[in-house]
Amino acid sequence: MNYQAKIYVTLKPSILDPQGRTVERALSHLNHENVGSVRIGKYIELNLSGEKAEVESQLKDIVENVLSNPIMEDARWELAEA
């Protein structure tokens, strides 16, 4: 079976986000004063093949040990048949 994984990685709320703050300030300077609390993250797509249980286990390992830093970042994923 083939699967597509969509992975979302964001900084934990307690971690400062200087990139998000820069974007927030830029938006304010462009007269978008109603925008606040901008946070920047990563979006990653992967295609995997195999049995669903094995793919989910592999995906968990990839996300936690390669694509994110669990100390500073939260990560979630969606897995769908491709």
C-alpha atoms as a PDB file:
ATOM      1  CA  MET A   1       0.000   0.000   0.000  1.00  0.00           C
ATOM      2  CA  ASN A   2       1.198   3.557  -0.738  1.00  0.00           C
ATOM      3  CA  TYR A   3       0.669   6.447   1.668  1.00  0.00           C
ATOM      4  CA  GLN A   4       1.203  10.181   1.683  1.00  0.00           C
ATOM      5  CA  ALA A   5       2.214  11.801   4.953  1.00  0.00           C
ATOM      6  CA  LYS A   6       1.692  15.500   5.642  1.00  0.00           C
ATOM      7  CA  ILE A   7       3.860  16.676   8.525  1.00  0.00           C
ATOM      8  CA  TYR A   8       3.487  19.937  10.431  1.00  0.00           C
ATOM      9  CA  VAL A   9       6.283  21.126  12.730  1.00  0.00           C
ATOM     10  CA  THR A  10       5.918  24.249  14.897  1.00  0.00           C
ATOM     11  CA  LEU A  11       7.819  25.756  17.768  1.00  0.00           C
ATOM     12  CA  LYS A  12       6.362  25.036  21.183  1.00  0.00           C
ATOM     13  CA  PRO A  13       4.416  28.013  22.581  1.00  0.00           C
ATOM     14  CA  SER A  14       7.074  28.625  25.246  1.00  0.00           C
ATOM     15  CA  ILE A  15       9.847  29.015  22.629  1.00  0.00           C
ATOM     16  CA  LEU A  16      10.447  32.485  21.193  1.00  0.00           C
ATOM     17  CA  ASP A  17       9.928  32.721  17.425  1.00  0.00           C
ATOM     18  CA  PRO A  18      12.138  35.540  16.042  1.00  0.00           C
ATOM     19  CA  GLN A  19      11.171  34.729  12.452  1.00  0.00           C
ATOM     20  CA  GLY A  20       7.477  34.943  13.318  1.00  0.00           C
ATOM     21  CA  ARG A  21       8.071  38.223  15.163  1.00  0.00           C
ATOM     22  CA  THR A  22       9.857  39.658  12.102  1.00  0.00           C
ATOM     23  CA  VAL A  23       6.941  38.716   9.852  1.00  0.00           C
ATOM     24  CA  GLU A  24       4.506  40.198  12.374  1.00  0.00           C
ATOM     25  CA  ARG A  25       6.406  43.514  12.371  1.00  0.00           C
ATOM     26  CA  ALA A  26       6.594  43.545   8.564  1.00  0.00           C
ATOM     27  CA  LEU A  27       2.838  43.017   8.323  1.00  0.00           C
ATOM     28  CA  SER A  28       2.258  45.835  10.782  1.00  0.00           C
ATOM     29  CA  HIS A  29       4.440  48.154   8.680  1.00  0.00           C
ATOM     30  CA  LEU A  30       2.307  47.217   5.665  1.00  0.00           C
ATOM     31  CA  ASN A  31      -0.816  48.421   7.520  1.00  0.00           C
ATOM     32  CA  HIS A  32      -1.982  44.989   8.653  1.00  0.00           C
ATOM     33  CA  GLU A  33      -2.155  46.040  12.316  1.00  0.00           C
ATOM     34  CA  ASN A  34      -4.838  43.479  13.156  1.00  0.00           C
ATOM     35  CA  VAL A  35      -2.427  40.539  12.660  1.00  0.00           C
ATOM     36  CA  GLY A  36      -0.708  39.223  15.772  1.00  0.00           C
ATOM     37  CA  SER A  37       1.024  36.236  17.308  1.00  0.00           C
ATOM     38  CA  VAL A  38       2.645  35.068  14.054  1.00  0.00           C
ATOM     39  CA  ARG A  39       4.421  31.720  14.366  1.00  0.00           C
ATOM     40  CA  ILE A  40       6.517  30.173  11.597  1.00  0.00           C
ATOM     41  CA  GLY A  41       6.748  26.411  11.106  1.00  0.00           C
ATOM     42  CA  LYS A  42       7.576  23.708   8.586  1.00  0.00           C
ATOM     43  CA  TYR A  43       5.328  21.673   6.312  1.00  0.00           C
ATOM     44  CA  ILE A  44       6.739  18.460   4.830  1.00  0.00           C
ATOM     45  CA  GLU A  45       5.209  15.829   2.535  1.00  0.00           C
ATOM     46  CA  LEU A  46       6.516  12.272   2.297  1.00  0.00           C
ATOM     47  CA  ASN A  47       5.380   9.285   0.270  1.00  0.00           C
ATOM     48  CA  LEU A  48       5.844   5.915   1.938  1.00  0.00           C
ATOM     49  CA  SER A  49       4.916   2.361   1.041  1.00  0.00           C
ATOM     50  CA  GLY A  50       4.297  -0.725   3.127  1.00  0.00           C
ATOM     51  CA  GLU A  51       1.882  -2.057   5.699  1.00  0.00           C
ATOM     52  CA  LYS A  52       0.048   0.699   7.570  1.00  0.00           C
ATOM     53  CA  ALA A  53       1.311  -0.243  11.042  1.00  0.00           C
ATOM     54  CA  GLU A  54       4.928  -0.347   9.825  1.00  0.00           C
ATOM     55  CA  VAL A  55       4.557   2.937   7.936  1.00  0.00           C
ATOM     56  CA  GLU A  56       3.066   4.651  11.010  1.00  0.00           C
ATOM     57  CA  SER A  57       5.927   3.399  13.193  1.00  0.00           C
ATOM     58  CA  GLN A  58       8.504   4.510  10.632  1.00  0.00           C
ATOM     59  CA  LEU A  59       6.825   7.897  10.246  1.00  0.00           C
ATOM     60  CA  LYS A  60       6.803   8.441  14.026  1.00  0.00           C
ATOM     61  CA  ASP A  61      10.548   7.708  14.134  1.00  0.00           C
ATOM     62  CA  ILE A  62      11.272  10.020  11.168  1.00  0.00           C
ATOM     63  CA  VAL A  63       9.254  12.888  12.618  1.00  0.00           C
ATOM     64  CA  GLU A  64      10.608  12.620  16.159  1.00  0.00           C
ATOM     65  CA  ASN A  65      14.274  11.915  15.312  1.00  0.00           C
ATOM     66  CA  VAL A  66      14.919  13.609  11.966  1.00  0.00           C
ATOM     67  CA  LEU A  67      12.353  16.267  11.068  1.00  0.00           C
ATOM     68  CA  SER A  68      11.778  17.863  14.463  1.00  0.00           C
ATOM     69  CA  ASN A  69      13.418  18.603  17.770  1.00  0.00           C
ATOM     70  CA  PRO A  70      10.964  17.330  20.413  1.00  0.00           C
ATOM     71  CA  ILE A  71      12.506  19.608  23.053  1.00  0.00           C
ATOM     72  CA  MET A  72      11.650  22.793  21.120  1.00  0.00           C
ATOM     73  CA  GLU A  73       9.045  21.754  18.573  1.00  0.00           C
ATOM     74  CA  ASP A  74       5.638  20.157  18.376  1.00  0.00           C
ATOM     75  CA  ALA A  75       4.964  17.887  15.430  1.00  0.00           C
ATOM     76  CA  ARG A  76       1.860  16.238  14.060  1.00  0.00           C
ATOM     77  CA  TRP A  77       1.120  14.342  10.898  1.00  0.00           C
ATOM     78  CA  GLU A  78      -1.671  13.105   8.721  1.00  0.00           C
ATOM     79  CA  LEU A  79      -1.385   9.828   6.858  1.00  0.00           C
ATOM     80  CA  ALA A  80      -3.608   8.993   3.891  1.00  0.00           C
ATOM     81  CA  GLU A  81      -3.611   6.397   1.159  1.00  0.00           C
ATOM     82  CA  ALA A  82      -1.976   7.737  -1.984  1.00  0.00           C
END
